[in-house]
Amino acid sequence: MSLMGRLGWTGIPERRWRKAAGWEVQPSRTLWDGLQLLIVPLILIAAVAFWNGSQAARERNRADQQRQDTTVTAYFVAMSGLMLHEHLLHSKPDEPVRAVARTLTLATLHAVDADRKADVLRFLYEAGLLHGGPRPHAAPPPVQLSGANLQRAHLANANLGDADFTGAELPGAKLGGASLTRAKFGKANLAIADLGDADLGSADLEDADLSGAHLDRAVLAQADAERVTLADAHLNDAILNGTNLQNADLQRADLEGADLSRASLGGTDLKDAVLNSATLQGADLTGADLRRANMVGADLTGAVLRDADLRGAILLDAKLEGATNLDLYRYIAGLLPTGQKQFLEAQRDFLDSLSLDELANFQLTPEKLAELREHADAV
């Protein structure tokens, strides 16, 4: 018997049978015809498997949410007990109750999601457990958050003024619009955190990591941000007047339109920073690294630029009245010929208005200025 004959039972090969008026032929089935018979069952099997998987995922998520709720509730009960019976709030720094409270807090924060982290923090703050003593010799708060896992915590518009977050881990935290006046973030990790519109006035940001953070329109007036890392941060229209940013890292930071008047920027790394239209009136930029910084339209009125490195910086349309220790001769001479011509043309009215003494303040004389213009015109 041939192969097709042996497969007759499948209905795939051609079949013939005699009828009254002759033979009627059933066409042979193709591979596609066979696959069509399998498609519907396969779809049904896949749908059932997907539904079962989704149901299992929902059950796991529901169980996890219940676990987290139970964890937070147990934490609140335990901390309340420490406050009521062990006098945690008024304890001294070396008392064991503080170690217990910190251990409970760190474990709970590690076990819950971003929303519940915020619930824990609000509880601690409202209970007065995050408030330490005043600077400079601040006593630690009853619950210290150094090393606490607050990653991506949802704290937008929260009121956390005076709270102590020293050494806390807050990368990606949502703190937009939060009130953080006088808060302590020394050595805290706030990388890529959202602090847009936040009030950080007089906050302690010493040695904090704010690389890539969003601080657009944030208020940092009078903040202590010495050695802070703000590389790649966004500070459009931020207010930093009077802020101590000495030896800070602001490489590639976007400070367009920011108010840095009277800010202390001595030794600050501002390489490739964007300072377009920024206000730097009276700012101390002694020894600052401003190489390739974009300062178009920046207001440097009365700024101190002693030993500042301005190689490759763009000062077109910058306001330079009263700026001190700015060696314009060296700066202009160091520009490419086209850059020299652009700068001298953009600043023509300002340079022509300077007296001999004012020219000398910029390490210029009428002869040097004429020499620079002649060289630029020759291009």
Protein backbone atom coordinates (compact mmCIF):
# COMPACT_ATOMS: atom_id res chain seq x y z
CA MET A 1 0.00 0.00 0.00
CA SER A 2 1.32 3.44 -0.86
CA LEU A 3 2.11 6.12 1.77
CA MET A 4 -0.92 8.20 0.78
CA GLY A 5 -3.04 5.13 1.11
CA ARG A 6 -1.79 4.49 4.62
CA LEU A 7 -2.71 8.11 5.54
CA GLY A 8 -6.27 7.73 4.31
CA TRP A 9 -7.67 7.78 7.83
CA THR A 10 -6.38 11.35 8.35
CA GLY A 11 -8.55 12.78 5.59
CA ILE A 12 -5.50 14.40 4.01
CA PRO A 13 -5.12 12.46 0.72
CA GLU A 14 -7.73 12.56 -2.02
CA ARG A 15 -10.73 10.30 -1.45
CA ARG A 16 -13.16 8.87 -3.96
CA TRP A 17 -16.43 7.09 -3.55
CA ARG A 18 -19.05 5.89 -5.98
CA LYS A 19 -22.35 7.64 -6.21
CA ALA A 20 -25.34 6.89 -8.26
CA ALA A 21 -24.25 9.12 -11.13
CA GLY A 22 -20.56 8.28 -11.02
CA TRP A 23 -17.65 9.35 -8.78
CA GLU A 24 -17.56 12.40 -6.46
CA VAL A 25 -14.07 13.66 -5.59
CA GLN A 26 -12.96 15.19 -2.25
CA PRO A 27 -9.90 17.40 -2.96
CA SER A 28 -6.71 16.53 -1.09
CA ARG A 29 -6.05 18.68 2.03
CA THR A 30 -3.08 21.06 2.14
CA LEU A 31 -0.70 21.66 5.05
CA TRP A 32 -2.51 24.95 5.77
CA ASP A 33 -5.79 23.07 6.09
CA GLY A 34 -4.18 20.88 8.73
CA LEU A 35 -2.71 23.86 10.59
CA GLN A 36 -6.10 25.57 10.69
CA LEU A 37 -7.41 22.63 12.65
CA LEU A 38 -4.72 23.31 15.29
CA ILE A 39 -4.92 27.14 15.49
CA VAL A 40 -8.12 27.46 17.49
CA PRO A 41 -7.07 24.95 20.18
CA LEU A 42 -3.65 26.62 20.44
CA ILE A 43 -5.25 30.05 20.85
CA LEU A 44 -7.53 28.70 23.54
CA ILE A 45 -4.61 27.07 25.35
CA ALA A 46 -2.56 30.31 25.18
CA ALA A 47 -5.51 32.40 26.40
CA VAL A 48 -6.08 30.10 29.35
CA ALA A 49 -2.35 30.13 30.20
CA PHE A 50 -2.23 33.94 29.99
CA TRP A 51 -5.33 34.30 32.16
CA ASN A 52 -3.92 31.89 34.72
CA GLY A 53 -0.59 33.76 34.71
CA SER A 54 -2.30 37.15 35.10
CA GLN A 55 -4.47 35.82 37.88
CA ALA A 56 -1.41 34.42 39.65
CA ALA A 57 0.42 37.76 39.22
CA ARG A 58 -2.57 39.63 40.65
CA GLU A 59 -2.68 37.27 43.59
CA ARG A 60 1.04 37.71 44.20
CA ASN A 61 0.71 41.48 43.97
CA ARG A 62 -2.28 41.47 46.34
CA ALA A 63 -0.36 39.31 48.81
CA ASP A 64 2.68 41.61 48.56
CA GLN A 65 0.53 44.70 49.16
CA GLN A 66 -1.02 43.04 52.21
CA ARG A 67 2.44 42.09 53.46
CA GLN A 68 3.65 45.68 53.09
CA ASP A 69 0.57 47.07 54.84
CA THR A 70 1.13 44.65 57.69
CA THR A 71 4.82 45.61 57.87
CA VAL A 72 4.06 49.34 58.08
CA THR A 73 1.28 48.86 60.62
CA ALA A 74 3.55 46.73 62.81
CA TYR A 75 6.25 49.40 62.50
CA PHE A 76 3.91 52.16 63.62
CA VAL A 77 2.82 50.08 66.62
CA ALA A 78 6.41 49.24 67.58
CA MET A 79 7.63 52.84 67.24
CA SER A 80 4.66 54.16 69.20
CA GLY A 81 5.55 51.75 71.96
CA LEU A 82 9.16 52.96 71.98
CA MET A 83 7.96 56.54 72.23
CA LEU A 84 5.35 55.94 74.95
CA HIS A 85 7.13 53.39 77.12
CA GLU A 86 10.85 53.85 76.35
CA HIS A 87 10.81 57.67 75.94
CA LEU A 88 12.47 57.52 72.50
CA LEU A 89 11.72 61.16 71.69
CA HIS A 90 13.65 62.47 74.70
CA SER A 91 16.36 59.81 74.75
CA LYS A 92 20.07 60.57 74.70
CA PRO A 93 22.25 59.69 71.66
CA ASP A 94 23.90 56.69 73.33
CA GLU A 95 20.75 55.05 74.71
CA PRO A 96 19.86 51.56 73.38
CA VAL A 97 16.32 52.59 72.45
CA ARG A 98 17.73 54.69 69.60
CA ALA A 99 19.59 51.70 68.16
CA VAL A 100 16.39 49.65 68.28
CA ALA A 101 14.38 52.41 66.59
CA ARG A 102 16.99 52.84 63.85
CA THR A 103 17.15 49.09 63.18
CA LEU A 104 13.36 48.88 62.91
CA THR A 105 13.28 51.89 60.60
CA LEU A 106 16.00 50.68 58.23
CA ALA A 107 14.44 47.21 57.97
CA THR A 108 10.97 48.61 57.30
CA LEU A 109 12.16 51.07 54.66
CA HIS A 110 14.02 48.27 52.90
CA ALA A 111 10.88 46.09 52.78
CA VAL A 112 8.30 48.55 51.40
CA ASP A 113 7.63 50.45 48.17
CA ALA A 114 8.01 54.15 47.35
CA ASP A 115 4.59 55.20 48.63
CA ARG A 116 4.99 53.42 51.96
CA LYS A 117 8.51 54.81 52.39
CA ALA A 118 6.83 58.22 52.27
CA ASP A 119 4.29 57.09 54.91
CA VAL A 120 7.13 56.03 57.21
CA LEU A 121 8.94 59.35 56.74
CA ARG A 122 5.82 61.39 57.42
CA PHE A 123 5.23 59.41 60.61
CA LEU A 124 8.80 60.01 61.77
CA TYR A 125 8.65 63.69 60.89
CA GLU A 126 5.29 64.37 62.53
CA ALA A 127 6.47 62.51 65.63
CA GLY A 128 9.52 64.79 65.85
CA LEU A 129 11.94 61.90 65.38
CA LEU A 130 13.85 63.46 62.45
CA HIS A 131 14.76 66.74 64.14
CA GLY A 132 18.29 67.13 65.45
CA GLY A 133 19.97 70.08 67.07
CA PRO A 134 20.94 73.30 65.25
CA ARG A 135 24.14 73.58 63.26
CA PRO A 136 27.12 73.74 63.35
CA HIS A 137 27.37 71.21 66.20
CA ALA A 138 24.03 69.52 65.62
CA ALA A 139 22.92 66.75 67.93
CA PRO A 140 21.67 63.72 65.97
CA PRO A 141 17.90 63.15 65.76
CA PRO A 142 16.30 60.27 67.71
CA VAL A 143 16.13 58.28 64.46
CA GLN A 144 19.12 58.64 62.14
CA LEU A 145 18.55 57.91 58.45
CA SER A 146 22.14 57.46 57.30
CA GLY A 147 22.14 54.56 54.84
CA ALA A 148 18.33 54.36 54.83
CA ASN A 149 16.80 53.07 51.59
CA LEU A 150 14.57 55.93 50.41
CA GLN A 151 15.07 55.28 46.71
CA ARG A 152 12.32 56.85 44.57
CA ALA A 153 10.31 57.77 47.68
CA HIS A 154 7.17 59.76 46.78
CA LEU A 155 7.50 62.98 48.77
CA ALA A 156 6.28 65.64 46.35
CA ASN A 157 5.02 68.76 48.15
CA ALA A 158 5.89 67.24 51.53
CA ASN A 159 6.69 69.50 54.48
CA LEU A 160 10.02 68.27 55.83
CA GLY A 161 11.71 71.47 56.97
CA ASP A 162 14.55 70.97 59.48
CA ALA A 163 14.49 67.18 58.93
CA ASP A 164 17.83 65.36 59.13
CA PHE A 165 18.57 63.16 56.09
CA THR A 166 22.32 63.04 56.63
CA GLY A 167 23.79 60.14 54.65
CA ALA A 168 20.40 58.89 53.44
CA GLU A 169 19.99 57.09 50.10
CA LEU A 170 17.45 59.12 48.08
CA PRO A 171 18.32 58.47 44.41
CA GLY A 172 15.36 59.19 42.16
CA ALA A 173 13.26 60.49 45.06
CA LYS A 174 10.24 62.60 44.13
CA LEU A 175 10.62 65.82 46.14
CA GLY A 176 9.19 68.34 43.70
CA GLY A 177 7.63 71.30 45.46
CA ALA A 178 8.66 70.01 48.89
CA SER A 179 9.44 72.37 51.76
CA LEU A 180 12.97 71.45 52.86
CA THR A 181 14.18 74.65 54.48
CA ARG A 182 17.12 74.09 56.82
CA ALA A 183 16.95 70.34 56.13
CA LYS A 184 20.21 68.43 56.44
CA PHE A 185 21.35 66.39 53.43
CA GLY A 186 25.05 66.19 54.18
CA LYS A 187 26.63 63.27 52.26
CA ALA A 188 23.16 62.17 51.12
CA ASN A 189 22.64 60.51 47.74
CA LEU A 190 20.10 62.55 45.75
CA ALA A 191 21.28 61.54 42.28
CA ILE A 192 18.60 62.08 39.58
CA ALA A 193 16.15 63.15 42.29
CA ASP A 194 13.28 65.46 41.33
CA LEU A 195 13.58 68.66 43.38
CA GLY A 196 11.90 71.03 40.95
CA ASP A 197 10.27 73.99 42.72
CA ALA A 198 11.49 72.64 46.08
CA ASP A 199 12.47 75.09 48.84
CA LEU A 200 15.97 74.22 50.08
CA GLY A 201 16.68 77.61 51.58
CA SER A 202 19.48 77.44 54.17
CA ALA A 203 19.64 73.65 53.72
CA ASP A 204 22.82 71.69 54.42
CA LEU A 205 23.94 70.01 51.18
CA GLU A 206 27.59 69.64 52.07
CA ASP A 207 29.20 66.73 50.17
CA ALA A 208 25.78 65.61 48.88
CA ASP A 209 25.46 63.89 45.50
CA LEU A 210 22.90 65.67 43.30
CA SER A 211 24.33 64.56 39.97
CA GLY A 212 21.66 64.57 37.28
CA ALA A 213 19.08 65.96 39.71
CA HIS A 214 16.27 68.22 38.53
CA LEU A 215 16.26 71.50 40.47
CA ASP A 216 14.49 73.77 38.01
CA ARG A 217 13.08 76.81 39.87
CA ALA A 218 14.25 75.36 43.19
CA VAL A 219 15.22 77.76 45.96
CA LEU A 220 18.69 77.15 47.42
CA ALA A 221 19.30 80.62 48.81
CA GLN A 222 21.86 80.68 51.64
CA ALA A 223 22.26 76.89 51.40
CA ASP A 224 25.58 75.34 52.41
CA ALA A 225 26.50 73.26 49.36
CA GLU A 226 30.25 73.07 49.77
CA ARG A 227 31.72 70.22 47.71
CA VAL A 228 28.25 69.23 46.50
CA THR A 229 28.11 67.24 43.25
CA LEU A 230 25.73 68.80 40.72
CA ALA A 231 27.27 67.40 37.56
CA ASP A 232 24.66 67.15 34.78
CA ALA A 233 22.02 68.64 37.10
CA HIS A 234 19.26 70.91 35.80
CA LEU A 235 18.90 74.22 37.65
CA ASN A 236 17.01 76.40 35.18
CA ASP A 237 15.79 79.56 36.94
CA ALA A 238 16.91 78.19 40.30
CA ILE A 239 17.63 80.68 43.10
CA LEU A 240 21.08 80.22 44.62
CA ASN A 241 21.85 83.71 45.86
CA GLY A 242 24.21 83.66 48.81
CA THR A 243 24.70 79.89 48.48
CA ASN A 244 28.04 78.39 49.48
CA LEU A 245 29.13 76.28 46.50
CA GLN A 246 32.85 76.31 47.15
CA ASN A 247 34.71 73.43 45.53
CA ALA A 248 31.43 72.02 44.23
CA ASP A 249 31.21 69.88 41.10
CA LEU A 250 28.88 71.54 38.58
CA GLN A 251 30.33 70.07 35.40
CA ARG A 252 27.81 70.30 32.55
CA ALA A 253 25.17 71.58 35.00
CA ASP A 254 22.33 73.50 33.35
CA LEU A 255 22.04 76.81 35.22
CA GLU A 256 20.31 78.83 32.54
CA GLY A 257 18.57 81.80 34.12
CA ALA A 258 19.65 80.78 37.63
CA ASP A 259 20.16 83.44 40.30
CA LEU A 260 23.67 82.98 41.70
CA SER A 261 24.12 86.52 42.96
CA ARG A 262 26.60 86.75 45.84
CA ALA A 263 27.09 82.97 45.69
CA SER A 264 30.41 81.55 46.88
CA LEU A 265 31.80 79.62 43.93
CA GLY A 266 35.48 79.61 44.81
CA GLY A 267 37.22 76.61 43.27
CA THR A 268 33.96 75.34 41.79
CA ASP A 269 34.16 73.07 38.74
CA LEU A 270 31.88 74.63 36.12
CA LYS A 271 33.42 73.08 33.03
CA ASP A 272 30.95 72.97 30.14
CA ALA A 273 28.21 74.37 32.39
CA VAL A 274 25.31 76.31 30.86
CA LEU A 275 25.03 79.74 32.48
CA ASN A 276 23.10 81.55 29.76
CA SER A 277 21.32 84.59 31.22
CA ALA A 278 22.36 83.52 34.74
CA THR A 279 22.74 86.21 37.39
CA LEU A 280 26.19 86.18 38.97
CA GLN A 281 26.20 89.67 40.41
CA GLY A 282 28.79 89.92 43.15
CA ALA A 283 29.48 86.18 42.98
CA ASP A 284 32.89 84.96 44.13
CA LEU A 285 34.34 82.86 41.30
CA THR A 286 37.91 82.88 42.59
CA GLY A 287 39.77 79.96 41.07
CA ALA A 288 36.61 78.59 39.45
CA ASP A 289 37.04 76.33 36.42
CA LEU A 290 34.83 77.89 33.73
CA ARG A 291 36.43 76.26 30.73
CA ARG A 292 33.98 76.06 27.82
CA ALA A 293 31.17 77.36 30.04
CA ASN A 294 28.35 78.95 28.05
CA MET A 295 27.78 82.36 29.63
CA VAL A 296 25.94 84.18 26.87
CA GLY A 297 24.04 87.07 28.41
CA ALA A 298 25.19 86.19 31.95
CA ASP A 299 25.27 89.06 34.44
CA LEU A 300 28.76 89.17 35.96
CA THR A 301 28.41 92.66 37.38
CA GLY A 302 30.77 92.99 40.32
CA ALA A 303 31.77 89.33 40.19
CA VAL A 304 35.22 88.32 41.46
CA LEU A 305 37.09 86.24 38.88
CA ARG A 306 40.56 86.07 40.37
CA ASP A 307 42.47 83.12 38.86
CA ALA A 308 39.29 81.82 37.21
CA ASP A 309 39.96 79.66 34.15
CA LEU A 310 37.88 81.03 31.27
CA ARG A 311 39.54 79.20 28.40
CA GLY A 312 36.94 78.48 25.76
CA ALA A 313 34.16 80.13 27.76
CA ILE A 314 31.53 82.05 25.79
CA LEU A 315 30.96 85.57 27.15
CA LEU A 316 28.98 87.06 24.29
CA ASP A 317 26.61 89.76 25.57
CA ALA A 318 27.70 89.07 29.15
CA LYS A 319 27.49 92.04 31.53
CA LEU A 320 30.98 92.69 32.85
CA GLU A 321 30.64 96.05 34.59
CA GLY A 322 32.60 96.10 37.81
CA ALA A 323 33.84 92.52 37.46
CA THR A 324 37.22 92.28 39.16
CA ASN A 325 40.38 90.34 38.38
CA LEU A 326 39.09 89.40 34.94
CA ASP A 327 42.01 89.31 32.51
CA LEU A 328 40.15 90.21 29.33
CA TYR A 329 43.34 90.58 27.35
CA ARG A 330 44.31 86.97 28.00
CA TYR A 331 40.72 85.80 27.49
CA ILE A 332 40.32 87.54 24.11
CA ALA A 333 43.78 86.55 22.91
CA GLY A 334 42.97 82.93 23.73
CA LEU A 335 39.87 82.86 21.50
CA LEU A 336 39.90 81.62 17.95
CA PRO A 337 40.08 84.48 15.43
CA THR A 338 36.36 84.27 14.65
CA GLY A 339 35.58 84.18 18.37
CA GLN A 340 37.73 87.24 18.96
CA LYS A 341 35.86 89.18 16.29
CA GLN A 342 32.45 88.14 17.67
CA PHE A 343 33.33 89.04 21.25
CA LEU A 344 34.90 92.42 20.38
CA GLU A 345 31.90 93.33 18.26
CA ALA A 346 29.36 92.21 20.88
CA GLN A 347 31.19 94.11 23.65
CA ARG A 348 32.19 97.16 21.56
CA ASP A 349 30.00 99.67 23.40
CA PHE A 350 31.04 98.38 26.81
CA LEU A 351 34.77 98.38 26.00
CA ASP A 352 34.61 101.85 24.45
CA SER A 353 32.91 103.20 27.57
CA LEU A 354 35.74 102.15 29.92
CA SER A 355 38.13 104.70 31.40
CA LEU A 356 41.86 104.05 31.54
CA ASP A 357 41.56 102.77 35.12
CA GLU A 358 38.65 100.53 34.21
CA LEU A 359 40.56 99.15 31.23
CA ALA A 360 43.49 98.44 33.53
CA ASN A 361 41.14 96.44 35.78
CA PHE A 362 40.63 94.12 32.80
CA GLN A 363 44.37 94.03 32.02
CA LEU A 364 43.75 96.21 28.96
CA THR A 365 45.09 99.47 27.59
CA PRO A 366 43.86 101.43 24.56
CA GLU A 367 46.88 100.10 22.68
CA LYS A 368 46.19 96.48 23.59
CA LEU A 369 42.54 96.89 22.67
CA ALA A 370 43.46 98.41 19.31
CA GLU A 371 45.91 95.55 18.72
CA LEU A 372 43.25 92.95 19.43
CA ARG A 373 40.76 94.66 17.12
CA GLU A 374 43.29 94.99 14.34
CA HIS A 375 44.12 91.32 14.60
CA ALA A 376 40.44 90.35 14.58
CA ASP A 377 39.65 92.60 11.61
CA ALA A 378 42.43 90.98 9.63
CA VAL A 379 40.63 87.64 9.69
